[in-house]
C-alpha atoms as a PDB file:
ATOM      1  CA  MET A   1      -0.723   5.779  -9.045  1.00  0.00           C
ATOM      2  CA  GLY A   2       1.381   7.308 -11.795  1.00  0.00           C
ATOM      3  CA  LEU A   3       5.096   7.994 -11.659  1.00  0.00           C
ATOM      4  CA  ASP A   4       4.387  11.701 -11.143  1.00  0.00           C
ATOM      5  CA  TYR A   5       2.151  11.211  -8.076  1.00  0.00           C
ATOM      6  CA  HIS A   6       4.655  13.071  -5.864  1.00  0.00           C
ATOM      7  CA  GLN A   7       3.958  16.279  -7.824  1.00  0.00           C
ATOM      8  CA  SER A   8       0.313  16.340  -6.724  1.00  0.00           C
ATOM      9  CA  PRO A   9      -0.702  19.000  -4.164  1.00  0.00           C
ATOM     10  CA  ALA A  10      -2.146  16.135  -2.091  1.00  0.00           C
ATOM     11  CA  TYR A  11       1.237  14.329  -1.932  1.00  0.00           C
ATOM     12  CA  GLU A  12       2.278  13.394   1.609  1.00  0.00           C
ATOM     13  CA  PRO A  13       5.971  12.377   1.912  1.00  0.00           C
ATOM     14  CA  GLY A  14       5.195  10.724   5.261  1.00  0.00           C
ATOM     15  CA  LEU A  15       3.274   8.048   3.363  1.00  0.00           C
ATOM     16  CA  ASP A  16       6.380   6.908   1.445  1.00  0.00           C
ATOM     17  CA  LEU A  17       7.964   4.075   3.412  1.00  0.00           C
ATOM     18  CA  ILE A  18      11.541   2.907   2.831  1.00  0.00           C
ATOM     19  CA  VAL A  19      13.417   0.088   4.575  1.00  0.00           C
ATOM     20  CA  VAL A  20      17.193  -0.227   4.710  1.00  0.00           C
ATOM     21  CA  ASP A  21      18.999  -3.161   6.279  1.00  0.00           C
ATOM     22  CA  ALA A  22      21.683  -3.037   8.978  1.00  0.00           C
ATOM     23  CA  ALA A  23      24.364  -2.504   6.310  1.00  0.00           C
ATOM     24  CA  GLY A  24      22.498   0.517   4.939  1.00  0.00           C
ATOM     25  CA  MET A  25      21.362  -1.351   1.800  1.00  0.00           C
ATOM     26  CA  PHE A  26      17.950  -0.540   0.340  1.00  0.00           C
ATOM     27  CA  ALA A  27      15.647  -3.466   1.186  1.00  0.00           C
ATOM     28  CA  ALA A  28      12.020  -2.503   0.457  1.00  0.00           C
ATOM     29  CA  PHE A  29       9.570   0.319  -0.169  1.00  0.00           C
ATOM     30  CA  CYS A  30       5.867   1.098  -0.002  1.00  0.00           C
ATOM     31  CA  LEU A  31       4.266   4.171  -1.586  1.00  0.00           C
ATOM     32  CA  CYS A  32       0.838   5.183  -0.290  1.00  0.00           C
ATOM     33  CA  GLU A  33      -1.615   7.936  -1.116  1.00  0.00           C
ATOM     34  CA  LEU A  34      -4.958   9.314  -0.029  1.00  0.00           C
ATOM     35  CA  THR A  35      -7.840  10.208  -2.334  1.00  0.00           C
ATOM     36  CA  GLU A  36     -11.004  12.119  -1.515  1.00  0.00           C
ATOM     37  CA  VAL A  37     -14.076  10.385  -2.951  1.00  0.00           C
ATOM     38  CA  ALA A  38     -17.650  11.604  -3.195  1.00  0.00           C
ATOM     39  CA  ASN A  39     -20.729   9.571  -4.054  1.00  0.00           C
ATOM     40  CA  SER A  40     -24.402   9.496  -3.132  1.00  0.00           C
ATOM     41  CA  GLY A  41     -23.429   8.434   0.400  1.00  0.00           C
ATOM     42  CA  GLY A  42     -21.279  11.514   0.976  1.00  0.00           C
ATOM     43  CA  GLU A  43     -17.586  12.292   0.967  1.00  0.00           C
ATOM     44  CA  TYR A  44     -14.889  10.030   2.369  1.00  0.00           C
ATOM     45  CA  THR A  45     -11.171   9.329   2.126  1.00  0.00           C
ATOM     46  CA  VAL A  46      -9.746   6.211   0.500  1.00  0.00           C
ATOM     47  CA  GLY A  47      -6.176   5.022   0.969  1.00  0.00           C
ATOM     48  CA  GLU A  48      -4.167   3.289  -1.716  1.00  0.00           C
ATOM     49  CA  ILE A  49      -1.078   1.151  -1.431  1.00  0.00           C
ATOM     50  CA  GLY A  50       0.186   2.303  -4.820  1.00  0.00           C
ATOM     51  CA  VAL A  51       3.404   0.356  -5.143  1.00  0.00           C
ATOM     52  CA  ILE A  52       5.140  -2.023  -2.771  1.00  0.00           C
ATOM     53  CA  GLY A  53       8.273  -4.038  -3.342  1.00  0.00           C
ATOM     54  CA  THR A  54      11.010  -5.969  -1.598  1.00  0.00           C
ATOM     55  CA  ARG A  55      14.445  -6.824  -2.967  1.00  0.00           C
ATOM     56  CA  PRO A  56      14.765 -10.561  -3.643  1.00  0.00           C
ATOM     57  CA  THR A  57      17.527 -10.842  -1.034  1.00  0.00           C
ATOM     58  CA  HIS A  58      15.117  -9.576   1.634  1.00  0.00           C
ATOM     59  CA  GLN A  59      11.976 -11.484   0.675  1.00  0.00           C
ATOM     60  CA  ARG A  60      10.273 -14.054   2.913  1.00  0.00           C
ATOM     61  CA  ARG A  61      11.377 -12.215   6.070  1.00  0.00           C
ATOM     62  CA  GLY A  62       8.132 -10.355   6.790  1.00  0.00           C
ATOM     63  CA  VAL A  63       9.417  -7.014   5.500  1.00  0.00           C
ATOM     64  CA  GLY A  64       6.694  -6.650   2.858  1.00  0.00           C
ATOM     65  CA  ARG A  65       3.933  -7.501   5.303  1.00  0.00           C
ATOM     66  CA  ALA A  66       5.342  -5.068   7.876  1.00  0.00           C
ATOM     67  CA  LEU A  67       5.406  -2.301   5.257  1.00  0.00           C
ATOM     68  CA  LEU A  68       1.883  -3.117   4.113  1.00  0.00           C
ATOM     69  CA  LEU A  69       0.518  -2.999   7.655  1.00  0.00           C
ATOM     70  CA  THR A  70       2.458   0.185   8.464  1.00  0.00           C
ATOM     71  CA  GLY A  71       1.148   1.821   5.300  1.00  0.00           C
ATOM     72  CA  MET A  72      -2.411   0.805   6.135  1.00  0.00           C
ATOM     73  CA  HIS A  73      -2.003   2.145   9.674  1.00  0.00           C
ATOM     74  CA  ARG A  74      -0.647   5.506   8.442  1.00  0.00           C
ATOM     75  CA  LEU A  75      -3.475   5.818   5.911  1.00  0.00           C
ATOM     76  CA  LYS A  76      -6.040   5.133   8.622  1.00  0.00           C
ATOM     77  CA  GLU A  77      -4.366   7.702  10.931  1.00  0.00           C
ATOM     78  CA  ARG A  78      -4.803  10.271   8.167  1.00  0.00           C
ATOM     79  CA  GLY A  79      -8.514   9.525   7.770  1.00  0.00           C
ATOM     80  CA  ALA A  80      -8.830   6.682   5.261  1.00  0.00           C
ATOM     81  CA  THR A  81     -12.035   4.724   5.763  1.00  0.00           C
ATOM     82  CA  SER A  82     -10.801   1.961   3.458  1.00  0.00           C
ATOM     83  CA  VAL A  83      -7.543   0.952   1.794  1.00  0.00           C
ATOM     84  CA  PHE A  84      -6.939  -0.900  -1.427  1.00  0.00           C
ATOM     85  CA  LEU A  85      -4.015  -2.531  -3.179  1.00  0.00           C
ATOM     86  CA  GLU A  86      -4.199  -3.589  -6.804  1.00  0.00           C
ATOM     87  CA  THR A  87      -1.945  -6.283  -8.236  1.00  0.00           C
ATOM     88  CA  GLU A  88      -1.598  -8.141 -11.458  1.00  0.00           C
ATOM     89  CA  GLN A  89      -3.208 -11.549 -11.233  1.00  0.00           C
ATOM     90  CA  ALA A  90       0.202 -13.165 -11.649  1.00  0.00           C
ATOM     91  CA  GLU A  91       1.582 -11.331  -8.604  1.00  0.00           C
ATOM     92  CA  THR A  92       0.928 -14.161  -6.161  1.00  0.00           C
ATOM     93  CA  PRO A  93       3.534 -12.918  -3.613  1.00  0.00           C
ATOM     94  CA  ALA A  94       1.304  -9.871  -3.086  1.00  0.00           C
ATOM     95  CA  TYR A  95      -1.616 -12.136  -2.188  1.00  0.00           C
ATOM     96  CA  ALA A  96       0.553 -13.984   0.314  1.00  0.00           C
ATOM     97  CA  CYS A  97       1.552 -10.653   1.877  1.00  0.00           C
ATOM     98  CA  SER A  98      -1.994  -9.394   2.464  1.00  0.00           C
ATOM     99  CA  PRO A  99      -3.332  -9.369   6.026  1.00  0.00           C
ATOM    100  CA  PRO A 100      -5.175 -12.542   7.043  1.00  0.00           C
ATOM    101  CA  SER A 101      -8.180 -10.755   8.544  1.00  0.00           C
ATOM    102  CA  GLY A 102     -10.066  -7.524   8.199  1.00  0.00           C
ATOM    103  CA  SER A 103      -9.608  -7.418   4.455  1.00  0.00           C
ATOM    104  CA  ALA A 104     -11.580  -8.405   1.418  1.00  0.00           C
ATOM    105  CA  GLU A 105     -10.148  -9.868  -1.737  1.00  0.00           C
ATOM    106  CA  SER A 106     -11.522  -9.121  -5.154  1.00  0.00           C
ATOM    107  CA  ARG A 107     -10.225 -10.966  -8.192  1.00  0.00           C
ATOM    108  CA  PRO A 108     -11.563 -10.834 -11.733  1.00  0.00           C
ATOM    109  CA  GLY A 109     -14.752 -12.887 -11.832  1.00  0.00           C
ATOM    110  CA  ASN A 110     -14.729 -13.144  -8.048  1.00  0.00           C
ATOM    111  CA  GLY A 111     -16.310  -9.929  -6.902  1.00  0.00           C
END
């Protein structure tokens, strides 16, 4: 997902998730998108959690996980048959945030 993704004709503002705390302070965000894919098996829709982040002052409260699950749910509602999230290998908080079941992990050299 590039920085100009919102200029695409396929852009759906309803897939951008923002969290503010009770004081109105920005706390976290999750940007999602859908992509149509075609291969020998046919055409299908794939969802991507493009970018997700939580301010340090709001980490370890379940906000990131809630955004991830909400994003996945919205992508599925819009027809995604699968969803992926890419991270840098060093981004271990992202691994801790991923759902415990119903997902597959792929790391370099691991699948």
